[in-house]
Amino acid sequence: MDAFWYSGITGSVAVGLSNNSVIISNTDNLTTIKNLKGHRDVVTEVRYSKLDSNLIYTSSMDRTIKRWDIRIKDSCVNKFKHNTEGPEPHQWKPFSTMDVNCSDTFICGGTEKNGDDSFLLFFDVRNPEVLGGYWESHSEDVTKDTLKWLKRSNAIYNHLGVVCQSEEYQLWDIEESMPSFKFEREILSKALMRTSPEACYLVDSFQFDDSDDVFILGGSKRKHSGCLRVLQLHKKKFKGYSSLIDQDMLENQIFRAVCANPKSRCIITGGEDGLSTFGKRERKKS
């Protein structure tokens, strides 16, 4: 799930569905704008272009990343895939996630475990051939990734953020081939204020325009004690930022997607029951 914001809280939101399609709606009344069809398996990630609301990128378990232009009838304009490495010759890699950098020039795709390894692969949006990638770096599936090329000079923010299947969060330096920082599940469970790490899960990370900090949505699913919280990564440590406290909603689903309005700090979440929710942190009264 991803959203493109035109101004304030007005924009469009794109959501991958279980029927292998992507539905695009406006954020005012959730009226459908377009339905993208073309993937042959589960859509694992949806990303808007950072510069043009008409361009959308999707990854799928059908082993492709696609670039769509919603202004034309046959919307798919580019397709990216890679098979040069793997346990068997010419074995295409299923993409479990992907993201596009801030200048809309590069794509990073994360794959399912392929043999003994998972892969982070990089593409130029103008060329379907892979530029390179990180090998021998993940022993589990890469479930989420977000590219964060920020203007701030501090090296910690020039990183690729990765949520792993083990519920570990990693920061990768774009220039290096190994993580600079790792935050294990036990550390994140403490930030979520949970005593049982095995009940905790991570959703995805995001950022706001007025902060260089990274935010991540995480939660736990237990009857009568579930939680959904936004954590803030500040000075290499996670701390609590806000909490979603609708207990009935927490007990009925696990959340799988989140996107944020970088200006208003509103967030949209999506869960396994197919519901999308809008939320914003309340300011404390003085």
C-alpha atoms as a PDB file:
ATOM      1  CA  MET A   1       0.000   0.000   0.000  1.00  0.00           C
ATOM      2  CA  ASP A   2       1.173   3.524  -0.769  1.00  0.00           C
ATOM      3  CA  ALA A   3      -0.293   7.009  -1.148  1.00  0.00           C
ATOM      4  CA  PHE A   4       0.498  10.131  -3.158  1.00  0.00           C
ATOM      5  CA  TRP A   5      -0.473  13.376  -1.441  1.00  0.00           C
ATOM      6  CA  TYR A   6      -1.329  16.433  -3.555  1.00  0.00           C
ATOM      7  CA  SER A   7      -1.854  18.793  -0.618  1.00  0.00           C
ATOM      8  CA  GLY A   8      -3.035  18.570   2.990  1.00  0.00           C
ATOM      9  CA  ILE A   9      -4.912  15.273   3.360  1.00  0.00           C
ATOM     10  CA  THR A  10      -6.011  15.105  -0.303  1.00  0.00           C
ATOM     11  CA  GLY A  11      -4.421  12.466  -2.481  1.00  0.00           C
ATOM     12  CA  SER A  12      -4.747   8.958  -3.865  1.00  0.00           C
ATOM     13  CA  VAL A  13      -3.982   5.602  -2.317  1.00  0.00           C
ATOM     14  CA  ALA A  14      -2.959   2.404  -4.128  1.00  0.00           C
ATOM     15  CA  VAL A  15      -3.547  -0.982  -2.481  1.00  0.00           C
ATOM     16  CA  GLY A  16      -2.519  -4.461  -3.632  1.00  0.00           C
ATOM     17  CA  LEU A  17      -5.364  -6.988  -3.455  1.00  0.00           C
ATOM     18  CA  SER A  18      -5.482 -10.764  -3.021  1.00  0.00           C
ATOM     19  CA  ASN A  19      -6.695 -11.200  -6.629  1.00  0.00           C
ATOM     20  CA  ASN A  20      -3.267 -10.030  -7.930  1.00  0.00           C
ATOM     21  CA  SER A  21      -4.552  -6.579  -8.908  1.00  0.00           C
ATOM     22  CA  VAL A  22      -3.989  -3.054  -7.551  1.00  0.00           C
ATOM     23  CA  ILE A  23      -6.854  -0.679  -6.855  1.00  0.00           C
ATOM     24  CA  ILE A  24      -6.307   3.102  -6.854  1.00  0.00           C
ATOM     25  CA  SER A  25      -8.733   5.311  -4.915  1.00  0.00           C
ATOM     26  CA  ASN A  26      -8.874   8.927  -3.791  1.00  0.00           C
ATOM     27  CA  THR A  27      -8.402   9.640  -0.102  1.00  0.00           C
ATOM     28  CA  ASP A  28     -11.492  11.859   0.202  1.00  0.00           C
ATOM     29  CA  ASN A  29     -14.203   9.227  -0.257  1.00  0.00           C
ATOM     30  CA  LEU A  30     -12.244   6.115  -1.431  1.00  0.00           C
ATOM     31  CA  THR A  31     -13.836   6.283  -4.899  1.00  0.00           C
ATOM     32  CA  THR A  32     -12.016   3.944  -7.284  1.00  0.00           C
ATOM     33  CA  ILE A  33      -9.892   5.740  -9.878  1.00  0.00           C
ATOM     34  CA  LYS A  34      -8.371   2.732 -11.661  1.00  0.00           C
ATOM     35  CA  ASN A  35      -7.760  -0.985 -11.285  1.00  0.00           C
ATOM     36  CA  LEU A  36      -4.375  -2.274 -12.457  1.00  0.00           C
ATOM     37  CA  LYS A  37      -4.310  -5.875 -13.706  1.00  0.00           C
ATOM     38  CA  GLY A  38      -1.312  -7.706 -15.111  1.00  0.00           C
ATOM     39  CA  HIS A  39       0.459  -9.623 -12.355  1.00  0.00           C
ATOM     40  CA  ARG A  40       0.035 -13.396 -12.348  1.00  0.00           C
ATOM     41  CA  ASP A  41       0.634 -13.899  -8.633  1.00  0.00           C
ATOM     42  CA  VAL A  42       0.316 -12.049  -5.300  1.00  0.00           C
ATOM     43  CA  VAL A  43       1.209  -8.343  -5.374  1.00  0.00           C
ATOM     44  CA  THR A  44       3.715  -7.868  -2.549  1.00  0.00           C
ATOM     45  CA  GLU A  45       4.386  -4.120  -2.662  1.00  0.00           C
ATOM     46  CA  VAL A  46       3.003  -0.933  -4.198  1.00  0.00           C
ATOM     47  CA  ARG A  47       4.928   2.338  -4.512  1.00  0.00           C
ATOM     48  CA  TYR A  48       4.065   5.676  -6.096  1.00  0.00           C
ATOM     49  CA  SER A  49       6.663   7.625  -8.012  1.00  0.00           C
ATOM     50  CA  LYS A  50       8.074  10.328  -5.745  1.00  0.00           C
ATOM     51  CA  LEU A  51       7.714  12.866  -8.580  1.00  0.00           C
ATOM     52  CA  ASP A  52       4.642  11.902 -10.645  1.00  0.00           C
ATOM     53  CA  SER A  53       1.326  10.630  -9.256  1.00  0.00           C
ATOM     54  CA  ASN A  54       0.574   8.939 -12.589  1.00  0.00           C
ATOM     55  CA  LEU A  55       3.457   6.468 -12.188  1.00  0.00           C
ATOM     56  CA  ILE A  56       3.198   3.451  -9.863  1.00  0.00           C
ATOM     57  CA  TYR A  57       5.617   0.599  -9.177  1.00  0.00           C
ATOM     58  CA  THR A  58       4.556  -2.874  -8.028  1.00  0.00           C
ATOM     59  CA  SER A  59       6.376  -6.077  -7.081  1.00  0.00           C
ATOM     60  CA  SER A  60       4.930  -9.561  -7.187  1.00  0.00           C
ATOM     61  CA  MET A  61       5.562 -13.202  -6.433  1.00  0.00           C
ATOM     62  CA  ASP A  62       5.307 -13.712 -10.214  1.00  0.00           C
ATOM     63  CA  ARG A  63       9.020 -12.686 -10.197  1.00  0.00           C
ATOM     64  CA  THR A  64       8.542  -9.239 -11.719  1.00  0.00           C
ATOM     65  CA  ILE A  65       8.593  -5.572 -10.746  1.00  0.00           C
ATOM     66  CA  LYS A  66       6.367  -3.451 -12.965  1.00  0.00           C
ATOM     67  CA  ARG A  67       6.153   0.263 -13.671  1.00  0.00           C
ATOM     68  CA  TRP A  68       2.671   1.529 -14.534  1.00  0.00           C
ATOM     69  CA  ASP A  69       1.404   4.763 -16.125  1.00  0.00           C
ATOM     70  CA  ILE A  70      -2.251   5.103 -15.167  1.00  0.00           C
ATOM     71  CA  ARG A  71      -2.872   7.642 -17.956  1.00  0.00           C
ATOM     72  CA  ILE A  72      -2.736   4.989 -20.676  1.00  0.00           C
ATOM     73  CA  LYS A  73      -4.990   2.008 -21.330  1.00  0.00           C
ATOM     74  CA  ASP A  74      -2.338  -0.713 -21.205  1.00  0.00           C
ATOM     75  CA  SER A  75      -0.792   0.703 -18.065  1.00  0.00           C
ATOM     76  CA  CYS A  76       2.397  -1.386 -17.677  1.00  0.00           C
ATOM     77  CA  VAL A  77       5.263   0.461 -19.353  1.00  0.00           C
ATOM     78  CA  ASN A  78       8.321  -1.375 -17.910  1.00  0.00           C
ATOM     79  CA  LYS A  79       9.029  -4.802 -16.421  1.00  0.00           C
ATOM     80  CA  PHE A  80      12.070  -5.721 -14.310  1.00  0.00           C
ATOM     81  CA  LYS A  81      13.283  -9.234 -13.353  1.00  0.00           C
ATOM     82  CA  HIS A  82      16.548 -11.059 -12.684  1.00  0.00           C
ATOM     83  CA  ASN A  83      17.770 -14.652 -13.048  1.00  0.00           C
ATOM     84  CA  THR A  84      21.574 -14.539 -13.338  1.00  0.00           C
ATOM     85  CA  GLU A  85      22.168 -16.107  -9.905  1.00  0.00           C
ATOM     86  CA  GLY A  86      20.389 -18.868  -8.041  1.00  0.00           C
ATOM     87  CA  PRO A  87      20.443 -22.528  -7.049  1.00  0.00           C
ATOM     88  CA  GLU A  88      19.352 -23.509 -10.567  1.00  0.00           C
ATOM     89  CA  PRO A  89      20.337 -21.906 -13.910  1.00  0.00           C
ATOM     90  CA  HIS A  90      17.916 -19.236 -15.152  1.00  0.00           C
ATOM     91  CA  GLN A  91      15.748 -19.409 -12.034  1.00  0.00           C
ATOM     92  CA  TRP A  92      13.762 -16.181 -11.759  1.00  0.00           C
ATOM     93  CA  LYS A  93      13.548 -14.617  -8.305  1.00  0.00           C
ATOM     94  CA  PRO A  94      10.160 -13.875  -6.675  1.00  0.00           C
ATOM     95  CA  PHE A  95      10.081 -10.308  -5.317  1.00  0.00           C
ATOM     96  CA  SER A  96       8.660 -10.055  -1.812  1.00  0.00           C
ATOM     97  CA  THR A  97       9.095  -6.253  -1.725  1.00  0.00           C
ATOM     98  CA  MET A  98      10.616  -3.226  -3.476  1.00  0.00           C
ATOM     99  CA  ASP A  99      10.992   0.543  -3.285  1.00  0.00           C
ATOM    100  CA  VAL A 100      12.082   3.493  -5.429  1.00  0.00           C
ATOM    101  CA  ASN A 101      14.606   6.131  -4.384  1.00  0.00           C
ATOM    102  CA  CYS A 102      13.710   9.781  -3.825  1.00  0.00           C
ATOM    103  CA  SER A 103      14.815  10.965  -7.287  1.00  0.00           C
ATOM    104  CA  ASP A 104      12.896   8.206  -9.099  1.00  0.00           C
ATOM    105  CA  THR A 105      16.015   6.844 -10.773  1.00  0.00           C
ATOM    106  CA  PHE A 106      16.655   3.517  -9.023  1.00  0.00           C
ATOM    107  CA  ILE A 107      14.572   0.558  -7.828  1.00  0.00           C
ATOM    108  CA  CYS A 108      15.578  -1.849  -5.079  1.00  0.00           C
ATOM    109  CA  GLY A 109      13.841  -5.221  -4.987  1.00  0.00           C
ATOM    110  CA  GLY A 110      14.010  -7.720  -2.114  1.00  0.00           C
ATOM    111  CA  THR A 111      13.514 -11.392  -2.903  1.00  0.00           C
ATOM    112  CA  GLU A 112      12.242 -14.481  -1.185  1.00  0.00           C
ATOM    113  CA  LYS A 113      14.810 -16.963   0.021  1.00  0.00           C
ATOM    114  CA  ASN A 114      16.369 -18.473  -3.114  1.00  0.00           C
ATOM    115  CA  GLY A 115      18.424 -21.555  -2.269  1.00  0.00           C
ATOM    116  CA  ASP A 116      20.378 -20.543   0.843  1.00  0.00           C
ATOM    117  CA  ASP A 117      20.132 -16.775   0.381  1.00  0.00           C
ATOM    118  CA  SER A 118      17.865 -13.783  -0.191  1.00  0.00           C
ATOM    119  CA  PHE A 119      18.836 -10.904  -2.458  1.00  0.00           C
ATOM    120  CA  LEU A 120      18.590  -7.116  -2.629  1.00  0.00           C
ATOM    121  CA  LEU A 121      18.677  -6.208  -6.338  1.00  0.00           C
ATOM    122  CA  PHE A 122      19.046  -2.741  -7.885  1.00  0.00           C
ATOM    123  CA  PHE A 123      17.651  -1.524 -11.239  1.00  0.00           C
ATOM    124  CA  ASP A 124      17.797   1.711 -13.233  1.00  0.00           C
ATOM    125  CA  VAL A 125      14.179   2.678 -14.036  1.00  0.00           C
ATOM    126  CA  ARG A 126      15.214   3.207 -17.684  1.00  0.00           C
ATOM    127  CA  ASN A 127      16.706  -0.270 -18.112  1.00  0.00           C
ATOM    128  CA  PRO A 128      15.235  -3.702 -17.233  1.00  0.00           C
ATOM    129  CA  GLU A 129      18.705  -5.190 -16.680  1.00  0.00           C
ATOM    130  CA  VAL A 130      19.881  -5.473 -13.069  1.00  0.00           C
ATOM    131  CA  LEU A 131      22.618  -3.017 -12.015  1.00  0.00           C
ATOM    132  CA  GLY A 132      23.873  -5.076  -9.075  1.00  0.00           C
ATOM    133  CA  GLY A 133      22.834  -6.184  -5.638  1.00  0.00           C
ATOM    134  CA  TYR A 134      23.646  -7.553  -2.210  1.00  0.00           C
ATOM    135  CA  TRP A 135      24.338 -11.297  -2.119  1.00  0.00           C
ATOM    136  CA  GLU A 136      25.008 -13.541   0.872  1.00  0.00           C
ATOM    137  CA  SER A 137      23.415 -10.892   3.067  1.00  0.00           C
ATOM    138  CA  HIS A 138      20.068 -12.390   4.215  1.00  0.00           C
ATOM    139  CA  SER A 139      19.322 -15.955   5.284  1.00  0.00           C
ATOM    140  CA  GLU A 140      15.556 -15.265   5.426  1.00  0.00           C
ATOM    141  CA  ASP A 141      13.057 -13.597   3.115  1.00  0.00           C
ATOM    142  CA  VAL A 142      13.302  -9.813   2.784  1.00  0.00           C
ATOM    143  CA  THR A 143       9.727  -8.805   3.566  1.00  0.00           C
ATOM    144  CA  LYS A 144       9.965  -5.024   3.378  1.00  0.00           C
ATOM    145  CA  ASP A 145      12.498  -2.504   2.181  1.00  0.00           C
ATOM    146  CA  THR A 146      12.518   1.278   1.957  1.00  0.00           C
ATOM    147  CA  LEU A 147      15.107   3.473   0.278  1.00  0.00           C
ATOM    148  CA  LYS A 148      15.944   6.679   2.127  1.00  0.00           C
ATOM    149  CA  TRP A 149      18.378   8.902   0.257  1.00  0.00           C
ATOM    150  CA  LEU A 150      18.044  12.004   2.388  1.00  0.00           C
ATOM    151  CA  LYS A 151      19.615  15.421   2.045  1.00  0.00           C
ATOM    152  CA  ARG A 152      21.044  15.435   5.548  1.00  0.00           C
ATOM    153  CA  SER A 153      24.791  14.743   5.605  1.00  0.00           C
ATOM    154  CA  ASN A 154      24.750  12.459   8.669  1.00  0.00           C
ATOM    155  CA  ALA A 155      25.626   8.980   7.375  1.00  0.00           C
ATOM    156  CA  ILE A 156      22.990   7.177   9.454  1.00  0.00           C
ATOM    157  CA  TYR A 157      20.277   8.648   7.232  1.00  0.00           C
ATOM    158  CA  ASN A 158      21.917   7.625   3.945  1.00  0.00           C
ATOM    159  CA  HIS A 159      20.662   4.107   4.404  1.00  0.00           C
ATOM    160  CA  LEU A 160      18.354   1.432   3.102  1.00  0.00           C
ATOM    161  CA  GLY A 161      15.974   0.264   5.826  1.00  0.00           C
ATOM    162  CA  VAL A 162      14.987  -3.418   5.797  1.00  0.00           C
ATOM    163  CA  VAL A 163      12.417  -5.330   7.841  1.00  0.00           C
ATOM    164  CA  CYS A 164      13.366  -9.023   7.777  1.00  0.00           C
ATOM    165  CA  GLN A 165      11.180 -12.078   8.200  1.00  0.00           C
ATOM    166  CA  SER A 166      12.783 -12.557  11.611  1.00  0.00           C
ATOM    167  CA  GLU A 167      11.193  -9.196  12.626  1.00  0.00           C
ATOM    168  CA  GLU A 168      14.650  -7.605  12.736  1.00  0.00           C
ATOM    169  CA  TYR A 169      15.168  -4.067  11.448  1.00  0.00           C
ATOM    170  CA  GLN A 170      18.405  -3.291   9.579  1.00  0.00           C
ATOM    171  CA  LEU A 171      20.015  -0.097   8.286  1.00  0.00           C
ATOM    172  CA  TRP A 172      22.215  -0.542   5.220  1.00  0.00           C
ATOM    173  CA  ASP A 173      24.712   2.037   3.994  1.00  0.00           C
ATOM    174  CA  ILE A 174      24.067   2.573   0.282  1.00  0.00           C
ATOM    175  CA  GLU A 175      27.814   2.459  -0.414  1.00  0.00           C
ATOM    176  CA  GLU A 176      28.485  -0.730   1.559  1.00  0.00           C
ATOM    177  CA  SER A 177      27.456  -4.383   1.205  1.00  0.00           C
ATOM    178  CA  MET A 178      26.570  -5.115   4.823  1.00  0.00           C
ATOM    179  CA  PRO A 179      24.269  -3.621   7.467  1.00  0.00           C
ATOM    180  CA  SER A 180      25.578  -0.691   9.497  1.00  0.00           C
ATOM    181  CA  PHE A 181      23.071  -1.237  12.298  1.00  0.00           C
ATOM    182  CA  LYS A 182      20.819  -4.118  13.355  1.00  0.00           C
ATOM    183  CA  PHE A 183      17.891  -3.903  15.754  1.00  0.00           C
ATOM    184  CA  GLU A 184      16.833  -7.362  16.887  1.00  0.00           C
ATOM    185  CA  ARG A 185      13.308  -8.384  17.790  1.00  0.00           C
ATOM    186  CA  GLU A 186      14.016  -8.229  21.530  1.00  0.00           C
ATOM    187  CA  ILE A 187      15.102  -4.569  21.276  1.00  0.00           C
ATOM    188  CA  LEU A 188      12.025  -3.620  19.268  1.00  0.00           C
ATOM    189  CA  SER A 189       9.685  -5.478  21.634  1.00  0.00           C
ATOM    190  CA  LYS A 190      10.996  -3.377  24.531  1.00  0.00           C
ATOM    191  CA  ALA A 191      10.327  -0.195  22.533  1.00  0.00           C
ATOM    192  CA  LEU A 192       6.802  -1.525  21.879  1.00  0.00           C
ATOM    193  CA  MET A 193       6.475  -2.087  25.650  1.00  0.00           C
ATOM    194  CA  ARG A 194       5.828  -5.815  25.215  1.00  0.00           C
ATOM    195  CA  THR A 195       7.317  -8.535  27.422  1.00  0.00           C
ATOM    196  CA  SER A 196       6.997 -11.307  24.827  1.00  0.00           C
ATOM    197  CA  PRO A 197       9.198 -10.708  21.736  1.00  0.00           C
ATOM    198  CA  GLU A 198       7.744 -13.714  19.887  1.00  0.00           C
ATOM    199  CA  ALA A 199       4.307 -12.032  19.862  1.00  0.00           C
ATOM    200  CA  CYS A 200       5.653  -8.856  18.243  1.00  0.00           C
ATOM    201  CA  TYR A 201       5.785  -8.068  14.540  1.00  0.00           C
ATOM    202  CA  LEU A 202       6.961  -5.173  12.355  1.00  0.00           C
ATOM    203  CA  VAL A 203       5.001  -3.642   9.475  1.00  0.00           C
ATOM    204  CA  ASP A 204       7.093  -1.047   7.631  1.00  0.00           C
ATOM    205  CA  SER A 205       9.069   2.166   8.051  1.00  0.00           C
ATOM    206  CA  PHE A 206       8.348   5.701   6.830  1.00  0.00           C
ATOM    207  CA  GLN A 207       9.423   9.320   7.307  1.00  0.00           C
ATOM    208  CA  PHE A 208       7.948  12.802   7.654  1.00  0.00           C
ATOM    209  CA  ASP A 209       9.097  15.970   5.878  1.00  0.00           C
ATOM    210  CA  ASP A 210       9.935  17.876   9.061  1.00  0.00           C
ATOM    211  CA  SER A 211      12.213  15.200  10.552  1.00  0.00           C
ATOM    212  CA  ASP A 212      15.214  13.135   9.442  1.00  0.00           C
ATOM    213  CA  ASP A 213      14.226  10.391  11.892  1.00  0.00           C
ATOM    214  CA  VAL A 214      12.938   7.024  10.688  1.00  0.00           C
ATOM    215  CA  PHE A 215       9.551   5.836  12.009  1.00  0.00           C
ATOM    216  CA  ILE A 216       8.388   2.237  12.041  1.00  0.00           C
ATOM    217  CA  LEU A 217       4.991   0.676  12.704  1.00  0.00           C
ATOM    218  CA  GLY A 218       4.992  -2.427  14.884  1.00  0.00           C
ATOM    219  CA  GLY A 219       2.572  -4.343  17.018  1.00  0.00           C
ATOM    220  CA  SER A 220       1.620  -7.527  18.815  1.00  0.00           C
ATOM    221  CA  LYS A 221      -1.434  -9.735  18.530  1.00  0.00           C
ATOM    222  CA  ARG A 222      -2.713 -11.249  21.761  1.00  0.00           C
ATOM    223  CA  LYS A 223      -6.245 -11.438  23.044  1.00  0.00           C
ATOM    224  CA  HIS A 224      -7.076  -8.475  25.296  1.00  0.00           C
ATOM    225  CA  SER A 225      -3.483  -7.203  25.180  1.00  0.00           C
ATOM    226  CA  GLY A 226      -2.633  -6.499  21.538  1.00  0.00           C
ATOM    227  CA  CYS A 227      -0.976  -3.252  20.529  1.00  0.00           C
ATOM    228  CA  LEU A 228      -0.109  -1.194  17.462  1.00  0.00           C
ATOM    229  CA  ARG A 229       2.503   1.500  17.952  1.00  0.00           C
ATOM    230  CA  VAL A 230       4.651   3.858  15.917  1.00  0.00           C
ATOM    231  CA  LEU A 231       8.309   3.853  16.993  1.00  0.00           C
ATOM    232  CA  GLN A 232      10.781   6.637  16.300  1.00  0.00           C
ATOM    233  CA  LEU A 233      14.445   5.932  15.526  1.00  0.00           C
ATOM    234  CA  HIS A 234      16.393   8.822  17.061  1.00  0.00           C
ATOM    235  CA  LYS A 235      20.145   8.826  17.720  1.00  0.00           C
ATOM    236  CA  LYS A 236      20.385   5.089  16.929  1.00  0.00           C
ATOM    237  CA  LYS A 237      17.689   4.182  19.476  1.00  0.00           C
ATOM    238  CA  PHE A 238      13.999   3.351  19.089  1.00  0.00           C
ATOM    239  CA  LYS A 239      11.480   5.081  21.334  1.00  0.00           C
ATOM    240  CA  GLY A 240       7.685   5.237  21.412  1.00  0.00           C
ATOM    241  CA  TYR A 241       6.022   7.912  19.273  1.00  0.00           C
ATOM    242  CA  SER A 242       2.277   7.121  19.240  1.00  0.00           C
ATOM    243  CA  SER A 243      -0.161   4.307  19.923  1.00  0.00           C
ATOM    244  CA  LEU A 244      -3.289   3.055  18.161  1.00  0.00           C
ATOM    245  CA  ILE A 245      -5.648   2.050  20.956  1.00  0.00           C
ATOM    246  CA  ASP A 246      -8.764   0.566  19.274  1.00  0.00           C
ATOM    247  CA  GLN A 247      -8.580  -2.819  21.029  1.00  0.00           C
ATOM    248  CA  ASP A 248     -11.409  -4.416  19.032  1.00  0.00           C
ATOM    249  CA  MET A 249      -9.650  -3.641  15.776  1.00  0.00           C
ATOM    250  CA  LEU A 250      -6.306  -4.875  17.126  1.00  0.00           C
ATOM    251  CA  GLU A 251      -7.748  -8.247  18.109  1.00  0.00           C
ATOM    252  CA  ASN A 252      -9.398  -8.846  14.737  1.00  0.00           C
ATOM    253  CA  GLN A 253      -6.409  -8.544  12.425  1.00  0.00           C
ATOM    254  CA  ILE A 254      -2.668  -8.298  11.907  1.00  0.00           C
ATOM    255  CA  PHE A 255      -1.565  -5.124  10.140  1.00  0.00           C
ATOM    256  CA  ARG A 256       0.512  -5.621   6.984  1.00  0.00           C
ATOM    257  CA  ALA A 257       0.925  -2.178   5.402  1.00  0.00           C
ATOM    258  CA  VAL A 258       1.361   1.481   6.338  1.00  0.00           C
ATOM    259  CA  CYS A 259       1.943   4.723   4.478  1.00  0.00           C
ATOM    260  CA  ALA A 260       2.263   8.265   5.814  1.00  0.00           C
ATOM    261  CA  ASN A 261       1.408  11.784   4.727  1.00  0.00           C
ATOM    262  CA  PRO A 262       4.858  13.410   5.107  1.00  0.00           C
ATOM    263  CA  LYS A 263       3.393  16.866   5.687  1.00  0.00           C
ATOM    264  CA  SER A 264       0.337  16.364   7.921  1.00  0.00           C
ATOM    265  CA  ARG A 265       1.741  13.254   9.699  1.00  0.00           C
ATOM    266  CA  CYS A 266      -1.460  11.307   9.038  1.00  0.00           C
ATOM    267  CA  ILE A 267      -0.902   7.582   8.520  1.00  0.00           C
ATOM    268  CA  ILE A 268      -2.952   4.949   6.683  1.00  0.00           C
ATOM    269  CA  THR A 269      -2.769   1.325   7.787  1.00  0.00           C
ATOM    270  CA  GLY A 270      -3.961  -1.822   6.052  1.00  0.00           C
ATOM    271  CA  GLY A 271      -4.640  -5.202   7.634  1.00  0.00           C
ATOM    272  CA  GLU A 272      -5.415  -8.818   6.824  1.00  0.00           C
ATOM    273  CA  ASP A 273      -9.172  -8.247   7.095  1.00  0.00           C
ATOM    274  CA  GLY A 274      -9.053  -5.830   4.132  1.00  0.00           C
ATOM    275  CA  LEU A 275      -9.811  -2.660   6.105  1.00  0.00           C
ATOM    276  CA  SER A 276      -7.829   0.561   5.746  1.00  0.00           C
ATOM    277  CA  THR A 277      -7.709   3.025   8.637  1.00  0.00           C
ATOM    278  CA  PHE A 278      -6.647   6.670   8.871  1.00  0.00           C
ATOM    279  CA  GLY A 279      -4.972   8.054  11.975  1.00  0.00           C
ATOM    280  CA  LYS A 280      -2.999  10.990  13.321  1.00  0.00           C
ATOM    281  CA  ARG A 281      -1.131  11.554  16.578  1.00  0.00           C
ATOM    282  CA  GLU A 282      -2.992  13.798  18.971  1.00  0.00           C
ATOM    283  CA  ARG A 283      -1.092  16.704  20.445  1.00  0.00           C
ATOM    284  CA  LYS A 284      -0.989  16.791  24.227  1.00  0.00           C
ATOM    285  CA  LYS A 285      -2.862  19.685  25.764  1.00  0.00           C
ATOM    286  CA  SER A 286      -0.704  22.034  27.817  1.00  0.00           C
END
